[in-house]
Amino acid sequence: GQTVITGSADGNQLLLFKNVQGVHIDSLTLSGGNSKQGSAAYIRQSSPKFTKVAFKNNTAERGGAVFIMGGNPEFNRSTFEDNISSELGGGIYSNASNLVIRESVIKNNEIQGGTNTVYGGGIYAVNSHITLENDSLYNNKASGYATQGGAVYIDNTNIGDPERPDEENSQNSFIIEGLILSGNLADFGAGIYIKNAEAEIRRCQITGNVGQTGAALYFVD
């Protein structure tokens, strides 16, 4: 069976990566984390690879399970389930990063925010290059007023900023291929909300997402 790491009431992240390369995390469950940012895994200027890792029932202000700043992490055959944030990224928050998620399940993650920045029930990515391949995103919710991106929110407005780390490795585009998006909820872009970015969307099945405007996809400059 999998090794399980469970959070305590003291409010720290379960895993912390700062300026770390060459780390592989395999067959692990991370649950019950509670912190301000990325309560299961906090990743800064690091590139860990996760395989068959389950992120469940974690709570944070930003990135309920995972918070990434200036990193290049990969998630393969992993699960993000029942994680909660209060504003950005119910499951995952990515800023100025190159993020890869393959053959993974992202479901029942939620932003339960009273704020006016309820973006990305499953994934929130800003100024990041993101690759999503053969993933399933079910029943992720951005709950509140004028919410954006039930399953995925992407904003690449400042990706050309020279102050941004790893700028030479980044592109103002991202790849979404072979996804299933179903039952996700937000006012704008219940499936995917895309701002100032180019998307390659291939072989995706987008059904039954609920929103006021752009229930499946919402593009804005």
C-alpha atoms as a PDB file:
ATOM      1  CA  GLY A   1       0.000   0.000   0.000  1.00  0.00           C
ATOM      2  CA  GLN A   2       0.906   3.654  -0.148  1.00  0.00           C
ATOM      3  CA  THR A   3       2.756   5.558   2.543  1.00  0.00           C
ATOM      4  CA  VAL A   4       0.502   8.210   4.084  1.00  0.00           C
ATOM      5  CA  ILE A   5       1.566  11.583   5.492  1.00  0.00           C
ATOM      6  CA  THR A   6      -1.205  13.336   7.404  1.00  0.00           C
ATOM      7  CA  GLY A   7      -1.192  16.946   8.559  1.00  0.00           C
ATOM      8  CA  SER A   8      -1.502  18.163  12.115  1.00  0.00           C
ATOM      9  CA  ALA A   9      -3.145  21.251  13.559  1.00  0.00           C
ATOM     10  CA  ASP A  10       0.051  23.340  13.626  1.00  0.00           C
ATOM     11  CA  GLY A  11      -0.468  24.593  10.079  1.00  0.00           C
ATOM     12  CA  ASN A  12       2.744  23.632   8.271  1.00  0.00           C
ATOM     13  CA  GLN A  13       3.151  22.259   4.752  1.00  0.00           C
ATOM     14  CA  LEU A  14       3.588  18.484   4.558  1.00  0.00           C
ATOM     15  CA  LEU A  15       6.367  18.699   1.939  1.00  0.00           C
ATOM     16  CA  LEU A  16       8.600  21.718   1.305  1.00  0.00           C
ATOM     17  CA  PHE A  17      10.892  22.106  -1.730  1.00  0.00           C
ATOM     18  CA  LYS A  18      13.182  25.161  -2.054  1.00  0.00           C
ATOM     19  CA  ASN A  19      15.906  25.272  -4.713  1.00  0.00           C
ATOM     20  CA  VAL A  20      15.803  21.490  -5.055  1.00  0.00           C
ATOM     21  CA  GLN A  21      16.429  19.438  -8.210  1.00  0.00           C
ATOM     22  CA  GLY A  22      16.357  15.719  -8.938  1.00  0.00           C
ATOM     23  CA  VAL A  23      13.750  14.688  -6.361  1.00  0.00           C
ATOM     24  CA  HIS A  24      11.273  11.906  -7.185  1.00  0.00           C
ATOM     25  CA  ILE A  25       8.206  11.265  -5.028  1.00  0.00           C
ATOM     26  CA  ASP A  26       6.488   7.932  -5.683  1.00  0.00           C
ATOM     27  CA  SER A  27       3.428   6.143  -4.248  1.00  0.00           C
ATOM     28  CA  LEU A  28       2.544   8.536  -1.437  1.00  0.00           C
ATOM     29  CA  THR A  29      -0.665   9.977   0.013  1.00  0.00           C
ATOM     30  CA  LEU A  30      -0.610  13.542   1.369  1.00  0.00           C
ATOM     31  CA  SER A  31      -3.718  14.502   3.322  1.00  0.00           C
ATOM     32  CA  GLY A  32      -5.000  16.887   5.963  1.00  0.00           C
ATOM     33  CA  GLY A  33      -2.482  19.661   5.338  1.00  0.00           C
ATOM     34  CA  ASN A  34      -3.474  23.161   6.423  1.00  0.00           C
ATOM     35  CA  SER A  35      -1.417  26.276   5.677  1.00  0.00           C
ATOM     36  CA  LYS A  36      -1.512  29.589   3.824  1.00  0.00           C
ATOM     37  CA  GLN A  37       0.057  28.278   0.603  1.00  0.00           C
ATOM     38  CA  GLY A  38       0.146  24.744  -0.781  1.00  0.00           C
ATOM     39  CA  SER A  39      -0.542  22.759   2.341  1.00  0.00           C
ATOM     40  CA  ALA A  40       0.493  19.363   0.903  1.00  0.00           C
ATOM     41  CA  ALA A  41       3.468  20.551  -1.168  1.00  0.00           C
ATOM     42  CA  TYR A  42       5.133  23.983  -1.361  1.00  0.00           C
ATOM     43  CA  ILE A  43       7.480  24.183  -4.368  1.00  0.00           C
ATOM     44  CA  ARG A  44       9.785  27.168  -4.954  1.00  0.00           C
ATOM     45  CA  GLN A  45      12.491  27.202  -7.657  1.00  0.00           C
ATOM     46  CA  SER A  46      12.382  23.414  -7.614  1.00  0.00           C
ATOM     47  CA  SER A  47      11.535  20.594 -10.021  1.00  0.00           C
ATOM     48  CA  PRO A  48      10.270  17.545  -8.150  1.00  0.00           C
ATOM     49  CA  LYS A  49       8.604  14.708 -10.039  1.00  0.00           C
ATOM     50  CA  PHE A  50       5.546  13.082  -8.486  1.00  0.00           C
ATOM     51  CA  THR A  51       4.299   9.654  -9.593  1.00  0.00           C
ATOM     52  CA  LYS A  52       1.197   7.946  -8.184  1.00  0.00           C
ATOM     53  CA  VAL A  53       0.829  10.544  -5.425  1.00  0.00           C
ATOM     54  CA  ALA A  54      -2.601  11.283  -3.931  1.00  0.00           C
ATOM     55  CA  PHE A  55      -3.301  14.804  -2.628  1.00  0.00           C
ATOM     56  CA  LYS A  56      -6.505  14.650  -0.563  1.00  0.00           C
ATOM     57  CA  ASN A  57      -8.391  16.884   1.877  1.00  0.00           C
ATOM     58  CA  ASN A  58      -5.807  19.662   2.071  1.00  0.00           C
ATOM     59  CA  THR A  59      -6.732  23.294   2.786  1.00  0.00           C
ATOM     60  CA  ALA A  60      -4.907  26.560   2.059  1.00  0.00           C
ATOM     61  CA  GLU A  61      -5.558  30.174   1.075  1.00  0.00           C
ATOM     62  CA  ARG A  62      -3.782  29.655  -2.272  1.00  0.00           C
ATOM     63  CA  GLY A  63      -3.231  26.247  -3.809  1.00  0.00           C
ATOM     64  CA  GLY A  64      -5.243  23.966  -1.551  1.00  0.00           C
ATOM     65  CA  ALA A  65      -2.868  21.046  -2.155  1.00  0.00           C
ATOM     66  CA  VAL A  66       0.108  22.426  -4.123  1.00  0.00           C
ATOM     67  CA  PHE A  67       1.704  25.898  -4.411  1.00  0.00           C
ATOM     68  CA  ILE A  68       4.364  26.406  -7.106  1.00  0.00           C
ATOM     69  CA  MET A  69       6.515  29.528  -7.554  1.00  0.00           C
ATOM     70  CA  GLY A  70       9.200  29.502 -10.233  1.00  0.00           C
ATOM     71  CA  GLY A  71       9.429  25.732 -10.474  1.00  0.00           C
ATOM     72  CA  ASN A  72       9.249  22.959 -13.067  1.00  0.00           C
ATOM     73  CA  PRO A  73       7.369  20.147 -11.339  1.00  0.00           C
ATOM     74  CA  GLU A  74       5.795  17.130 -13.023  1.00  0.00           C
ATOM     75  CA  PHE A  75       2.831  15.131 -11.803  1.00  0.00           C
ATOM     76  CA  ASN A  76       2.207  11.708 -13.358  1.00  0.00           C
ATOM     77  CA  ARG A  77      -0.656   9.300 -12.614  1.00  0.00           C
ATOM     78  CA  SER A  78      -1.534  11.330  -9.524  1.00  0.00           C
ATOM     79  CA  THR A  79      -4.805  12.376  -7.873  1.00  0.00           C
ATOM     80  CA  PHE A  80      -5.944  15.736  -6.496  1.00  0.00           C
ATOM     81  CA  GLU A  81      -9.193  15.246  -4.608  1.00  0.00           C
ATOM     82  CA  ASP A  82     -11.296  17.218  -2.091  1.00  0.00           C
ATOM     83  CA  ASN A  83      -8.759  20.023  -1.645  1.00  0.00           C
ATOM     84  CA  ILE A  84      -9.980  23.523  -0.737  1.00  0.00           C
ATOM     85  CA  SER A  85      -8.580  27.045  -1.030  1.00  0.00           C
ATOM     86  CA  SER A  86     -10.084  30.393  -0.144  1.00  0.00           C
ATOM     87  CA  GLU A  87      -9.146  32.295  -3.307  1.00  0.00           C
ATOM     88  CA  LEU A  88      -6.762  30.966  -5.994  1.00  0.00           C
ATOM     89  CA  GLY A  89      -6.409  27.334  -7.064  1.00  0.00           C
ATOM     90  CA  GLY A  90      -8.522  24.874  -5.126  1.00  0.00           C
ATOM     91  CA  GLY A  91      -6.104  22.078  -6.014  1.00  0.00           C
ATOM     92  CA  ILE A  92      -3.007  23.708  -7.539  1.00  0.00           C
ATOM     93  CA  TYR A  93      -1.565  27.251  -7.685  1.00  0.00           C
ATOM     94  CA  SER A  94       1.214  27.943 -10.219  1.00  0.00           C
ATOM     95  CA  ASN A  95       3.028  31.265 -10.685  1.00  0.00           C
ATOM     96  CA  ALA A  96       5.945  31.801 -13.106  1.00  0.00           C
ATOM     97  CA  SER A  97       6.400  28.069 -13.478  1.00  0.00           C
ATOM     98  CA  ASN A  98       6.550  25.309 -16.078  1.00  0.00           C
ATOM     99  CA  LEU A  99       3.999  22.766 -14.928  1.00  0.00           C
ATOM    100  CA  VAL A 100       3.312  19.312 -16.404  1.00  0.00           C
ATOM    101  CA  ILE A 101       0.378  17.112 -15.354  1.00  0.00           C
ATOM    102  CA  ARG A 102      -0.123  13.763 -17.119  1.00  0.00           C
ATOM    103  CA  GLU A 103      -2.590  10.900 -16.726  1.00  0.00           C
ATOM    104  CA  SER A 104      -3.885  12.391 -13.486  1.00  0.00           C
ATOM    105  CA  VAL A 105      -7.303  12.935 -11.901  1.00  0.00           C
ATOM    106  CA  ILE A 106      -8.337  16.321 -10.501  1.00  0.00           C
ATOM    107  CA  LYS A 107     -11.750  16.107  -8.869  1.00  0.00           C
ATOM    108  CA  ASN A 108     -13.979  17.670  -6.224  1.00  0.00           C
ATOM    109  CA  ASN A 109     -11.557  20.507  -5.510  1.00  0.00           C
ATOM    110  CA  GLU A 110     -13.136  23.819  -4.558  1.00  0.00           C
ATOM    111  CA  ILE A 111     -12.549  27.446  -3.796  1.00  0.00           C
ATOM    112  CA  GLN A 112     -14.808  28.463  -0.944  1.00  0.00           C
ATOM    113  CA  GLY A 113     -14.032  32.142  -1.010  1.00  0.00           C
ATOM    114  CA  GLY A 114     -15.820  35.251   0.054  1.00  0.00           C
ATOM    115  CA  THR A 115     -13.216  37.213  -1.927  1.00  0.00           C
ATOM    116  CA  ASN A 116     -13.504  38.748  -5.402  1.00  0.00           C
ATOM    117  CA  THR A 117     -10.611  36.603  -6.694  1.00  0.00           C
ATOM    118  CA  VAL A 118     -12.165  33.151  -6.886  1.00  0.00           C
ATOM    119  CA  TYR A 119     -10.179  31.760  -9.827  1.00  0.00           C
ATOM    120  CA  GLY A 120      -9.397  28.138 -10.712  1.00  0.00           C
ATOM    121  CA  GLY A 121     -11.351  25.546  -8.777  1.00  0.00           C
ATOM    122  CA  GLY A 122      -8.958  22.807  -9.878  1.00  0.00           C
ATOM    123  CA  ILE A 123      -5.884  24.631 -11.219  1.00  0.00           C
ATOM    124  CA  TYR A 124      -4.843  28.304 -11.137  1.00  0.00           C
ATOM    125  CA  ALA A 125      -1.876  29.166 -13.385  1.00  0.00           C
ATOM    126  CA  VAL A 126      -0.554  32.705 -13.877  1.00  0.00           C
ATOM    127  CA  ASN A 127       2.401  33.555 -16.134  1.00  0.00           C
ATOM    128  CA  SER A 128       3.148  29.866 -16.431  1.00  0.00           C
ATOM    129  CA  HIS A 129       3.699  27.390 -19.229  1.00  0.00           C
ATOM    130  CA  ILE A 130       1.340  24.516 -18.559  1.00  0.00           C
ATOM    131  CA  THR A 131       1.013  21.107 -20.192  1.00  0.00           C
ATOM    132  CA  LEU A 132      -2.025  18.967 -19.412  1.00  0.00           C
ATOM    133  CA  GLU A 133      -2.097  15.550 -21.095  1.00  0.00           C
ATOM    134  CA  ASN A 134      -4.664  12.777 -20.700  1.00  0.00           C
ATOM    135  CA  ASP A 135      -6.063  14.127 -17.430  1.00  0.00           C
ATOM    136  CA  SER A 136      -9.601  13.926 -16.037  1.00  0.00           C
ATOM    137  CA  LEU A 137     -11.079  16.978 -14.288  1.00  0.00           C
ATOM    138  CA  TYR A 138     -14.409  16.306 -12.580  1.00  0.00           C
ATOM    139  CA  ASN A 139     -16.682  18.375 -10.345  1.00  0.00           C
ATOM    140  CA  ASN A 140     -14.240  21.148  -9.468  1.00  0.00           C
ATOM    141  CA  LYS A 141     -15.928  24.336  -8.272  1.00  0.00           C
ATOM    142  CA  ALA A 142     -15.164  28.020  -8.046  1.00  0.00           C
ATOM    143  CA  SER A 143     -17.933  29.121  -5.674  1.00  0.00           C
ATOM    144  CA  GLY A 144     -18.938  32.736  -5.139  1.00  0.00           C
ATOM    145  CA  TYR A 145     -19.579  35.845  -7.242  1.00  0.00           C
ATOM    146  CA  ALA A 146     -18.093  36.380 -10.750  1.00  0.00           C
ATOM    147  CA  THR A 147     -15.981  33.275 -10.354  1.00  0.00           C
ATOM    148  CA  GLN A 148     -13.639  32.236 -13.163  1.00  0.00           C
ATOM    149  CA  GLY A 149     -12.316  28.843 -14.239  1.00  0.00           C
ATOM    150  CA  GLY A 150     -14.160  25.956 -12.609  1.00  0.00           C
ATOM    151  CA  ALA A 151     -11.558  23.343 -13.559  1.00  0.00           C
ATOM    152  CA  VAL A 152      -8.677  25.439 -14.950  1.00  0.00           C
ATOM    153  CA  TYR A 153      -7.816  29.176 -14.902  1.00  0.00           C
ATOM    154  CA  ILE A 154      -4.865  30.428 -16.969  1.00  0.00           C
ATOM    155  CA  ASP A 155      -3.659  34.052 -17.196  1.00  0.00           C
ATOM    156  CA  ASN A 156      -0.466  34.758 -19.139  1.00  0.00           C
ATOM    157  CA  THR A 157      -0.795  38.544 -19.207  1.00  0.00           C
ATOM    158  CA  ASN A 158       2.744  39.166 -17.889  1.00  0.00           C
ATOM    159  CA  ILE A 159       4.605  36.211 -19.343  1.00  0.00           C
ATOM    160  CA  GLY A 160       6.979  38.540 -21.230  1.00  0.00           C
ATOM    161  CA  ASP A 161       8.082  40.273 -18.023  1.00  0.00           C
ATOM    162  CA  PRO A 162      11.922  40.268 -17.874  1.00  0.00           C
ATOM    163  CA  GLU A 163      11.730  40.108 -14.071  1.00  0.00           C
ATOM    164  CA  ARG A 164      10.063  36.740 -14.320  1.00  0.00           C
ATOM    165  CA  PRO A 165      12.269  33.745 -13.421  1.00  0.00           C
ATOM    166  CA  ASP A 166      13.075  31.153 -16.103  1.00  0.00           C
ATOM    167  CA  GLU A 167      11.809  33.483 -18.807  1.00  0.00           C
ATOM    168  CA  GLU A 168      13.969  31.884 -21.474  1.00  0.00           C
ATOM    169  CA  ASN A 169      12.270  28.526 -20.883  1.00  0.00           C
ATOM    170  CA  SER A 170       8.747  29.869 -21.154  1.00  0.00           C
ATOM    171  CA  GLN A 171       6.275  30.270 -23.953  1.00  0.00           C
ATOM    172  CA  ASN A 172       3.077  32.232 -24.253  1.00  0.00           C
ATOM    173  CA  SER A 173       1.158  29.082 -25.049  1.00  0.00           C
ATOM    174  CA  PHE A 174       0.159  25.861 -23.436  1.00  0.00           C
ATOM    175  CA  ILE A 175      -0.916  22.406 -24.482  1.00  0.00           C
ATOM    176  CA  ILE A 176      -4.170  20.768 -23.426  1.00  0.00           C
ATOM    177  CA  GLU A 177      -4.544  17.317 -24.913  1.00  0.00           C
ATOM    178  CA  GLY A 178      -6.754  14.310 -24.280  1.00  0.00           C
ATOM    179  CA  LEU A 179      -8.609  15.783 -21.305  1.00  0.00           C
ATOM    180  CA  ILE A 180     -12.015  14.923 -19.932  1.00  0.00           C
ATOM    181  CA  LEU A 181     -13.711  17.880 -18.236  1.00  0.00           C
ATOM    182  CA  SER A 182     -17.114  17.211 -16.723  1.00  0.00           C
ATOM    183  CA  GLY A 183     -19.326  18.707 -14.020  1.00  0.00           C
ATOM    184  CA  ASN A 184     -17.067  21.672 -13.232  1.00  0.00           C
ATOM    185  CA  LEU A 185     -18.660  24.907 -11.985  1.00  0.00           C
ATOM    186  CA  ALA A 186     -17.864  28.637 -12.305  1.00  0.00           C
ATOM    187  CA  ASP A 187     -19.638  31.785 -13.504  1.00  0.00           C
ATOM    188  CA  PHE A 188     -17.152  32.303 -16.376  1.00  0.00           C
ATOM    189  CA  GLY A 189     -15.404  29.360 -18.034  1.00  0.00           C
ATOM    190  CA  ALA A 190     -16.664  26.487 -15.918  1.00  0.00           C
ATOM    191  CA  GLY A 191     -14.349  24.147 -17.820  1.00  0.00           C
ATOM    192  CA  ILE A 192     -11.358  26.308 -18.754  1.00  0.00           C
ATOM    193  CA  TYR A 193     -10.879  30.094 -18.441  1.00  0.00           C
ATOM    194  CA  ILE A 194      -8.065  31.458 -20.610  1.00  0.00           C
ATOM    195  CA  LYS A 195      -6.763  35.046 -20.456  1.00  0.00           C
ATOM    196  CA  ASN A 196      -4.101  36.474 -22.785  1.00  0.00           C
ATOM    197  CA  ALA A 197      -2.771  33.104 -23.846  1.00  0.00           C
ATOM    198  CA  GLU A 198      -2.642  30.838 -26.849  1.00  0.00           C
ATOM    199  CA  ALA A 199      -3.969  27.341 -26.373  1.00  0.00           C
ATOM    200  CA  GLU A 200      -3.570  24.150 -28.290  1.00  0.00           C
ATOM    201  CA  ILE A 201      -6.602  22.091 -27.316  1.00  0.00           C
ATOM    202  CA  ARG A 202      -6.703  18.622 -28.864  1.00  0.00           C
ATOM    203  CA  ARG A 203      -8.897  15.540 -28.354  1.00  0.00           C
ATOM    204  CA  CYS A 204     -10.732  16.880 -25.329  1.00  0.00           C
ATOM    205  CA  GLN A 205     -14.151  15.819 -24.108  1.00  0.00           C
ATOM    206  CA  ILE A 206     -15.861  18.765 -22.416  1.00  0.00           C
ATOM    207  CA  THR A 207     -19.382  18.011 -21.169  1.00  0.00           C
ATOM    208  CA  GLY A 208     -21.807  19.059 -18.463  1.00  0.00           C
ATOM    209  CA  ASN A 209     -19.853  21.998 -17.063  1.00  0.00           C
ATOM    210  CA  VAL A 210     -22.073  24.660 -15.498  1.00  0.00           C
ATOM    211  CA  GLY A 211     -21.523  28.400 -15.862  1.00  0.00           C
ATOM    212  CA  GLN A 212     -23.221  31.672 -16.818  1.00  0.00           C
ATOM    213  CA  THR A 213     -20.848  32.461 -19.687  1.00  0.00           C
ATOM    214  CA  GLY A 214     -18.623  30.030 -21.576  1.00  0.00           C
ATOM    215  CA  ALA A 215     -19.653  26.931 -19.693  1.00  0.00           C
ATOM    216  CA  ALA A 216     -17.059  24.861 -21.555  1.00  0.00           C
ATOM    217  CA  LEU A 217     -14.382  27.404 -22.555  1.00  0.00           C
ATOM    218  CA  TYR A 218     -13.999  31.154 -21.996  1.00  0.00           C
ATOM    219  CA  PHE A 219     -11.336  33.204 -23.812  1.00  0.00           C
ATOM    220  CA  VAL A 220     -10.497  36.822 -23.017  1.00  0.00           C
ATOM    221  CA  ASP A 221      -7.616  39.175 -23.872  1.00  0.00           C
END
